[in-house]
């Protein structure tokens, strides 16, 4: 269904990307990695949650827990700038 961020000053919902699921193993870790890397890069909560969703969406399209996308794959995949 997507992801929800609740912070002291804001609440933000980001819908899931519509992709074919090949293997969901590691999707949560992929989301966390994408979200955390965006936050460390100074992105807003809204951008960070989208980055996490995009990372997880690309991961579930590949087999295995370690099928993570590259930064360029994320940028090419997202319908809006990340």
PDB file of N, CA and C in Angstrom:
ATOM      1  N   UNK A   1       0.811  -1.205   0.000  1.00  0.00           N
ATOM      2  CA  UNK A   1       0.000   0.000   0.000  1.00  0.00           C
ATOM      3  C   UNK A   1       0.850   1.262   0.000  1.00  0.00           C
ATOM      4  N   UNK A   2       2.136   1.132   0.202  1.00  0.00           N
ATOM      5  CA  UNK A   2       3.006   2.296   0.273  1.00  0.00           C
ATOM      6  C   UNK A   2       3.630   2.413   1.637  1.00  0.00           C
ATOM      7  N   UNK A   3       4.022   3.612   1.991  1.00  0.00           N
ATOM      8  CA  UNK A   3       4.686   3.839   3.267  1.00  0.00           C
ATOM      9  C   UNK A   3       4.201   5.143   3.881  1.00  0.00           C
ATOM     10  N   UNK A   4       4.236   5.184   5.183  1.00  0.00           N
ATOM     11  CA  UNK A   4       3.780   6.341   5.945  1.00  0.00           C
ATOM     12  C   UNK A   4       4.894   6.799   6.866  1.00  0.00           C
ATOM     13  N   UNK A   5       5.188   8.094   6.848  1.00  0.00           N
ATOM     14  CA  UNK A   5       6.152   8.688   7.772  1.00  0.00           C
ATOM     15  C   UNK A   5       5.386   9.606   8.714  1.00  0.00           C
ATOM     16  N   UNK A   6       5.615   9.425  10.000  1.00  0.00           N
ATOM     17  CA  UNK A   6       5.013  10.295  11.007  1.00  0.00           C
ATOM     18  C   UNK A   6       6.151  10.938  11.786  1.00  0.00           C
ATOM     19  N   UNK A   7       6.235  12.246  11.709  1.00  0.00           N
ATOM     20  CA  UNK A   7       7.258  13.016  12.406  1.00  0.00           C
ATOM     21  C   UNK A   7       6.561  14.073  13.255  1.00  0.00           C
ATOM     22  N   UNK A   8       7.278  14.685  14.179  1.00  0.00           N
ATOM     23  CA  UNK A   8       6.638  15.678  15.044  1.00  0.00           C
ATOM     24  C   UNK A   8       5.913  16.796  14.285  1.00  0.00           C
ATOM     25  N   UNK A   9       6.438  17.192  13.126  1.00  0.00           N
ATOM     26  CA  UNK A   9       5.862  18.330  12.405  1.00  0.00           C
ATOM     27  C   UNK A   9       5.115  17.971  11.126  1.00  0.00           C
ATOM     28  N   UNK A  10       5.124  16.696  10.738  1.00  0.00           N
ATOM     29  CA  UNK A  10       4.469  16.338   9.487  1.00  0.00           C
ATOM     30  C   UNK A  10       4.143  14.851   9.411  1.00  0.00           C
ATOM     31  N   UNK A  11       3.191  14.560   8.576  1.00  0.00           N
ATOM     32  CA  UNK A  11       2.831  13.195   8.243  1.00  0.00           C
ATOM     33  C   UNK A  11       2.808  13.123   6.732  1.00  0.00           C
ATOM     34  N   UNK A  12       3.456  12.105   6.182  1.00  0.00           N
ATOM     35  CA  UNK A  12       3.526  11.997   4.737  1.00  0.00           C
ATOM     36  C   UNK A  12       3.286  10.561   4.319  1.00  0.00           C
ATOM     37  N   UNK A  13       2.384  10.366   3.343  1.00  0.00           N
ATOM     38  CA  UNK A  13       2.096   9.051   2.785  1.00  0.00           C
ATOM     39  C   UNK A  13       2.615   9.003   1.362  1.00  0.00           C
ATOM     40  N   UNK A  14       3.296   7.927   1.031  1.00  0.00           N
ATOM     41  CA  UNK A  14       3.788   7.732  -0.325  1.00  0.00           C
ATOM     42  C   UNK A  14       3.242   6.408  -0.844  1.00  0.00           C
ATOM     43  N   UNK A  15       2.493   6.434  -1.942  1.00  0.00           N
ATOM     44  CA  UNK A  15       1.945   5.187  -2.472  1.00  0.00           C
ATOM     45  C   UNK A  15       3.040   4.277  -3.015  1.00  0.00           C
ATOM     46  N   UNK A  16       2.743   2.994  -3.048  1.00  0.00           N
ATOM     47  CA  UNK A  16       3.683   2.027  -3.610  1.00  0.00           C
ATOM     48  C   UNK A  16       3.740   2.169  -5.121  1.00  0.00           C
ATOM     49  N   UNK A  17       4.878   1.829  -5.686  1.00  0.00           N
ATOM     50  CA  UNK A  17       5.007   1.759  -7.135  1.00  0.00           C
ATOM     51  C   UNK A  17       4.361   0.460  -7.602  1.00  0.00           C
ATOM     52  N   UNK A  18       3.733   0.497  -8.748  1.00  0.00           N
ATOM     53  CA  UNK A  18       3.102  -0.694  -9.311  1.00  0.00           C
ATOM     54  C   UNK A  18       4.131  -1.442 -10.153  1.00  0.00           C
ATOM     55  N   UNK A  19       4.611  -2.565  -9.624  1.00  0.00           N
ATOM     56  CA  UNK A  19       5.625  -3.364 -10.312  1.00  0.00           C
ATOM     57  C   UNK A  19       5.278  -4.846 -10.172  1.00  0.00           C
ATOM     58  N   UNK A  20       5.842  -5.658 -11.049  1.00  0.00           N
ATOM     59  CA  UNK A  20       5.666  -7.101 -10.947  1.00  0.00           C
ATOM     60  C   UNK A  20       6.585  -7.631  -9.852  1.00  0.00           C
ATOM     61  N   UNK A  21       6.013  -8.422  -8.944  1.00  0.00           N
ATOM     62  CA  UNK A  21       6.794  -8.991  -7.848  1.00  0.00           C
ATOM     63  C   UNK A  21       7.422 -10.300  -8.303  1.00  0.00           C
ATOM     64  N   UNK A  22       8.752 -10.349  -8.267  1.00  0.00           N
ATOM     65  CA  UNK A  22       9.495 -11.566  -8.570  1.00  0.00           C
ATOM     66  C   UNK A  22       9.907 -12.237  -7.273  1.00  0.00           C
ATOM     67  N   UNK A  23      10.418 -11.449  -6.325  1.00  0.00           N
ATOM     68  CA  UNK A  23      10.894 -11.989  -5.055  1.00  0.00           C
ATOM     69  C   UNK A  23      10.899 -10.859  -4.029  1.00  0.00           C
ATOM     70  N   UNK A  24      10.107 -11.010  -2.977  1.00  0.00           N
ATOM     71  CA  UNK A  24      10.012  -9.944  -1.975  1.00  0.00           C
ATOM     72  C   UNK A  24      11.082 -10.035  -0.885  1.00  0.00           C
ATOM     73  N   UNK A  25      11.900 -11.078  -0.933  1.00  0.00           N
ATOM     74  CA  UNK A  25      12.956 -11.231   0.063  1.00  0.00           C
ATOM     75  C   UNK A  25      13.904 -10.036   0.017  1.00  0.00           C
ATOM     76  N   UNK A  26      14.052  -9.352   1.123  1.00  0.00           N
ATOM     77  CA  UNK A  26      14.948  -8.207   1.203  1.00  0.00           C
ATOM     78  C   UNK A  26      14.297  -6.869   0.885  1.00  0.00           C
ATOM     79  N   UNK A  27      12.997  -6.864   0.604  1.00  0.00           N
ATOM     80  CA  UNK A  27      12.331  -5.612   0.239  1.00  0.00           C
ATOM     81  C   UNK A  27      12.357  -4.596   1.378  1.00  0.00           C
ATOM     82  N   UNK A  28      12.152  -5.055   2.597  1.00  0.00           N
ATOM     83  CA  UNK A  28      12.182  -4.139   3.742  1.00  0.00           C
ATOM     84  C   UNK A  28      13.557  -3.538   3.953  1.00  0.00           C
ATOM     85  N   UNK A  29      14.579  -4.370   3.831  1.00  0.00           N
ATOM     86  CA  UNK A  29      15.949  -3.865   3.963  1.00  0.00           C
ATOM     87  C   UNK A  29      16.267  -2.880   2.835  1.00  0.00           C
ATOM     88  N   UNK A  30      15.784  -3.191   1.626  1.00  0.00           N
ATOM     89  CA  UNK A  30      16.004  -2.276   0.498  1.00  0.00           C
ATOM     90  C   UNK A  30      15.334  -0.934   0.762  1.00  0.00           C
ATOM     91  N   UNK A  31      14.081  -0.971   1.247  1.00  0.00           N
ATOM     92  CA  UNK A  31      13.383   0.273   1.580  1.00  0.00           C
ATOM     93  C   UNK A  31      14.188   1.065   2.606  1.00  0.00           C
ATOM     94  N   UNK A  32      14.591   0.400   3.687  1.00  0.00           N
ATOM     95  CA  UNK A  32      15.336   1.081   4.748  1.00  0.00           C
ATOM     96  C   UNK A  32      16.623   1.698   4.219  1.00  0.00           C
ATOM     97  N   UNK A  33      17.350   0.960   3.393  1.00  0.00           N
ATOM     98  CA  UNK A  33      18.590   1.478   2.829  1.00  0.00           C
ATOM     99  C   UNK A  33      18.357   2.702   1.958  1.00  0.00           C
ATOM    100  N   UNK A  34      17.322   2.647   1.130  1.00  0.00           N
ATOM    101  CA  UNK A  34      17.004   3.792   0.282  1.00  0.00           C
ATOM    102  C   UNK A  34      16.580   5.002   1.089  1.00  0.00           C
ATOM    103  N   UNK A  35      15.721   4.763   2.080  1.00  0.00           N
ATOM    104  CA  UNK A  35      15.240   5.853   2.934  1.00  0.00           C
ATOM    105  C   UNK A  35      16.396   6.494   3.711  1.00  0.00           C
ATOM    106  N   UNK A  36      17.203   5.673   4.343  1.00  0.00           N
ATOM    107  CA  UNK A  36      18.311   6.192   5.161  1.00  0.00           C
ATOM    108  C   UNK A  36      19.337   6.923   4.298  1.00  0.00           C
ATOM    109  N   UNK A  37      19.660   6.370   3.132  1.00  0.00           N
ATOM    110  CA  UNK A  37      20.651   7.046   2.282  1.00  0.00           C
ATOM    111  C   UNK A  37      20.140   8.406   1.817  1.00  0.00           C
ATOM    112  N   UNK A  38      18.847   8.505   1.549  1.00  0.00           N
ATOM    113  CA  UNK A  38      18.282   9.797   1.155  1.00  0.00           C
ATOM    114  C   UNK A  38      18.325  10.793   2.307  1.00  0.00           C
ATOM    115  N   UNK A  39      18.008  10.333   3.505  1.00  0.00           N
ATOM    116  CA  UNK A  39      18.062  11.231   4.666  1.00  0.00           C
ATOM    117  C   UNK A  39      19.485  11.712   4.919  1.00  0.00           C
ATOM    118  N   UNK A  40      20.450  10.796   4.801  1.00  0.00           N
ATOM    119  CA  UNK A  40      21.848  11.174   5.004  1.00  0.00           C
ATOM    120  C   UNK A  40      22.333  12.159   3.939  1.00  0.00           C
ATOM    121  N   UNK A  41      21.701  12.110   2.774  1.00  0.00           N
ATOM    122  CA  UNK A  41      22.044  13.053   1.694  1.00  0.00           C
ATOM    123  C   UNK A  41      21.321  14.385   1.850  1.00  0.00           C
ATOM    124  N   UNK A  42      20.531  14.530   2.932  1.00  0.00           N
ATOM    125  CA  UNK A  42      19.856  15.792   3.208  1.00  0.00           C
ATOM    126  C   UNK A  42      18.500  15.936   2.550  1.00  0.00           C
ATOM    127  N   UNK A  43      17.938  14.847   2.028  1.00  0.00           N
ATOM    128  CA  UNK A  43      16.618  14.902   1.386  1.00  0.00           C
ATOM    129  C   UNK A  43      15.525  15.076   2.437  1.00  0.00           C
ATOM    130  N   UNK A  44      14.406  15.634   2.021  1.00  0.00           N
ATOM    131  CA  UNK A  44      13.251  15.798   2.906  1.00  0.00           C
ATOM    132  C   UNK A  44      12.655  14.432   3.233  1.00  0.00           C
ATOM    133  N   UNK A  45      11.770  14.403   4.232  1.00  0.00           N
ATOM    134  CA  UNK A  45      11.080  13.153   4.550  1.00  0.00           C
ATOM    135  C   UNK A  45      10.275  12.661   3.350  1.00  0.00           C
ATOM    136  N   UNK A  46       9.603  13.566   2.657  1.00  0.00           N
ATOM    137  CA  UNK A  46       8.795  13.190   1.497  1.00  0.00           C
ATOM    138  C   UNK A  46       9.667  12.556   0.406  1.00  0.00           C
ATOM    139  N   UNK A  47      10.796  13.164   0.102  1.00  0.00           N
ATOM    140  CA  UNK A  47      11.691  12.601  -0.909  1.00  0.00           C
ATOM    141  C   UNK A  47      12.313  11.295  -0.429  1.00  0.00           C
ATOM    142  N   UNK A  48      12.641  11.213   0.830  1.00  0.00           N
ATOM    143  CA  UNK A  48      13.271  10.014   1.382  1.00  0.00           C
ATOM    144  C   UNK A  48      12.341   8.809   1.350  1.00  0.00           C
ATOM    145  N   UNK A  49      11.070   9.025   1.650  1.00  0.00           N
ATOM    146  CA  UNK A  49      10.131   7.908   1.624  1.00  0.00           C
ATOM    147  C   UNK A  49       9.916   7.445   0.179  1.00  0.00           C
ATOM    148  N   UNK A  50       9.904   8.361  -0.772  1.00  0.00           N
ATOM    149  CA  UNK A  50       9.790   7.966  -2.181  1.00  0.00           C
ATOM    150  C   UNK A  50      11.028   7.197  -2.636  1.00  0.00           C
ATOM    151  N   UNK A  51      12.190   7.628  -2.182  1.00  0.00           N
ATOM    152  CA  UNK A  51      13.442   6.944  -2.522  1.00  0.00           C
ATOM    153  C   UNK A  51      13.407   5.516  -1.947  1.00  0.00           C
ATOM    154  N   UNK A  52      12.933   5.367  -0.708  1.00  0.00           N
ATOM    155  CA  UNK A  52      12.799   4.037  -0.115  1.00  0.00           C
ATOM    156  C   UNK A  52      11.828   3.168  -0.894  1.00  0.00           C
ATOM    157  N   UNK A  53      10.678   3.722  -1.258  1.00  0.00           N
ATOM    158  CA  UNK A  53       9.697   2.970  -2.037  1.00  0.00           C
ATOM    159  C   UNK A  53      10.269   2.546  -3.388  1.00  0.00           C
ATOM    160  N   UNK A  54      10.966   3.440  -4.057  1.00  0.00           N
ATOM    161  CA  UNK A  54      11.541   3.119  -5.366  1.00  0.00           C
ATOM    162  C   UNK A  54      12.602   2.025  -5.239  1.00  0.00           C
ATOM    163  N   UNK A  55      13.427   2.105  -4.205  1.00  0.00           N
ATOM    164  CA  UNK A  55      14.459   1.087  -3.993  1.00  0.00           C
ATOM    165  C   UNK A  55      13.825  -0.275  -3.771  1.00  0.00           C
ATOM    166  N   UNK A  56      12.798  -0.331  -2.930  1.00  0.00           N
ATOM    167  CA  UNK A  56      12.112  -1.596  -2.664  1.00  0.00           C
ATOM    168  C   UNK A  56      11.406  -2.114  -3.915  1.00  0.00           C
ATOM    169  N   UNK A  57      10.785  -1.225  -4.678  1.00  0.00           N
ATOM    170  CA  UNK A  57      10.075  -1.639  -5.888  1.00  0.00           C
ATOM    171  C   UNK A  57      11.035  -2.272  -6.895  1.00  0.00           C
ATOM    172  N   UNK A  58      12.193  -1.674  -7.065  1.00  0.00           N
ATOM    173  CA  UNK A  58      13.167  -2.246  -7.987  1.00  0.00           C
ATOM    174  C   UNK A  58      13.741  -3.553  -7.461  1.00  0.00           C
ATOM    175  N   UNK A  59      13.905  -3.659  -6.152  1.00  0.00           N
ATOM    176  CA  UNK A  59      14.430  -4.883  -5.555  1.00  0.00           C
ATOM    177  C   UNK A  59      13.485  -6.051  -5.772  1.00  0.00           C
ATOM    178  N   UNK A  60      12.182  -5.854  -5.594  1.00  0.00           N
ATOM    179  CA  UNK A  60      11.253  -6.982  -5.696  1.00  0.00           C
ATOM    180  C   UNK A  60      11.077  -7.465  -7.140  1.00  0.00           C
ATOM    181  N   UNK A  61      11.621  -6.744  -8.087  1.00  0.00           N
ATOM    182  CA  UNK A  61      11.609  -7.185  -9.472  1.00  0.00           C
ATOM    183  C   UNK A  61      12.766  -8.105  -9.810  1.00  0.00           C
ATOM    184  N   UNK A  62      13.633  -8.372  -8.845  1.00  0.00           N
ATOM    185  CA  UNK A  62      14.809  -9.221  -9.043  1.00  0.00           C
ATOM    186  C   UNK A  62      14.780 -10.384  -8.060  1.00  0.00           C
ATOM    187  N   UNK A  63      15.450 -11.450  -8.397  1.00  0.00           N
ATOM    188  CA  UNK A  63      15.539 -12.619  -7.531  1.00  0.00           C
ATOM    189  C   UNK A  63      16.631 -12.426  -6.489  1.00  0.00           C
ATOM    190  N   UNK A  64      16.353 -12.891  -5.271  1.00  0.00           N
ATOM    191  CA  UNK A  64      17.357 -12.875  -4.209  1.00  0.00           C
ATOM    192  C   UNK A  64      17.302 -11.629  -3.360  1.00  0.00           C
ATOM    193  N   UNK A  65      17.884 -11.750  -2.175  1.00  0.00           N
ATOM    194  CA  UNK A  65      17.852 -10.656  -1.207  1.00  0.00           C
ATOM    195  C   UNK A  65      18.813  -9.526  -1.565  1.00  0.00           C
ATOM    196  N   UNK A  66      19.758  -9.779  -2.419  1.00  0.00           N
ATOM    197  CA  UNK A  66      20.798  -8.786  -2.691  1.00  0.00           C
ATOM    198  C   UNK A  66      20.663  -8.103  -4.049  1.00  0.00           C
ATOM    199  N   UNK A  67      19.508  -8.203  -4.675  1.00  0.00           N
ATOM    200  CA  UNK A  67      19.300  -7.587  -5.981  1.00  0.00           C
ATOM    201  C   UNK A  67      18.956  -6.119  -5.890  1.00  0.00           C
ATOM    202  N   UNK A  68      19.840  -5.326  -5.306  1.00  0.00           N
ATOM    203  CA  UNK A  68      19.565  -3.901  -5.114  1.00  0.00           C
ATOM    204  C   UNK A  68      19.877  -3.093  -6.368  1.00  0.00           C
ATOM    205  N   UNK A  69      19.107  -2.039  -6.617  1.00  0.00           N
ATOM    206  CA  UNK A  69      19.342  -1.198  -7.793  1.00  0.00           C
ATOM    207  C   UNK A  69      20.509  -0.241  -7.572  1.00  0.00           C
ATOM    208  N   UNK A  70      21.078   0.206  -8.676  1.00  0.00           N
ATOM    209  CA  UNK A  70      22.096   1.255  -8.609  1.00  0.00           C
ATOM    210  C   UNK A  70      21.397   2.604  -8.480  1.00  0.00           C
ATOM    211  N   UNK A  71      22.157   3.615  -8.166  1.00  0.00           N
ATOM    212  CA  UNK A  71      21.596   4.966  -8.081  1.00  0.00           C
ATOM    213  C   UNK A  71      20.986   5.375  -9.428  1.00  0.00           C
ATOM    214  N   UNK A  72      21.681   5.057 -10.516  1.00  0.00           N
ATOM    215  CA  UNK A  72      21.166   5.423 -11.841  1.00  0.00           C
ATOM    216  C   UNK A  72      19.866   4.691 -12.145  1.00  0.00           C
ATOM    217  N   UNK A  73      19.761   3.414 -11.745  1.00  0.00           N
ATOM    218  CA  UNK A  73      18.511   2.679 -11.941  1.00  0.00           C
ATOM    219  C   UNK A  73      17.365   3.354 -11.189  1.00  0.00           C
ATOM    220  N   UNK A  74      17.645   3.836  -9.978  1.00  0.00           N
ATOM    221  CA  UNK A  74      16.623   4.541  -9.201  1.00  0.00           C
ATOM    222  C   UNK A  74      16.183   5.817  -9.911  1.00  0.00           C
ATOM    223  N   UNK A  75      17.137   6.579 -10.390  1.00  0.00           N
ATOM    224  CA  UNK A  75      16.816   7.832 -11.070  1.00  0.00           C
ATOM    225  C   UNK A  75      16.033   7.584 -12.353  1.00  0.00           C
ATOM    226  N   UNK A  76      16.391   6.539 -13.089  1.00  0.00           N
ATOM    227  CA  UNK A  76      15.693   6.209 -14.329  1.00  0.00           C
ATOM    228  C   UNK A  76      14.284   5.692 -14.053  1.00  0.00           C
ATOM    229  N   UNK A  77      14.099   4.996 -12.935  1.00  0.00           N
ATOM    230  CA  UNK A  77      12.826   4.365 -12.599  1.00  0.00           C
ATOM    231  C   UNK A  77      11.763   5.359 -12.119  1.00  0.00           C
ATOM    232  N   UNK A  78      12.183   6.291 -11.317  1.00  0.00           N
ATOM    233  CA  UNK A  78      11.230   7.194 -10.654  1.00  0.00           C
ATOM    234  C   UNK A  78      10.509   8.084 -11.650  1.00  0.00           C
ATOM    235  N   UNK A  79       9.206   8.203 -11.453  1.00  0.00           N
ATOM    236  CA  UNK A  79       8.432   9.069 -12.337  1.00  0.00           C
ATOM    237  C   UNK A  79       8.615  10.543 -11.991  1.00  0.00           C
ATOM    238  N   UNK A  80       9.062  10.804 -10.800  1.00  0.00           N
ATOM    239  CA  UNK A  80       9.363  12.170 -10.359  1.00  0.00           C
ATOM    240  C   UNK A  80      10.817  12.188  -9.904  1.00  0.00           C
ATOM    241  N   UNK A  81      11.483  13.321  -9.979  1.00  0.00           N
ATOM    242  CA  UNK A  81      12.870  13.381  -9.514  1.00  0.00           C
ATOM    243  C   UNK A  81      12.992  12.971  -8.054  1.00  0.00           C
ATOM    244  N   UNK A  82      13.996  12.172  -7.770  1.00  0.00           N
ATOM    245  CA  UNK A  82      14.236  11.748  -6.379  1.00  0.00           C
ATOM    246  C   UNK A  82      15.242  12.657  -5.725  1.00  0.00           C
TER     247      UNK A  82
END
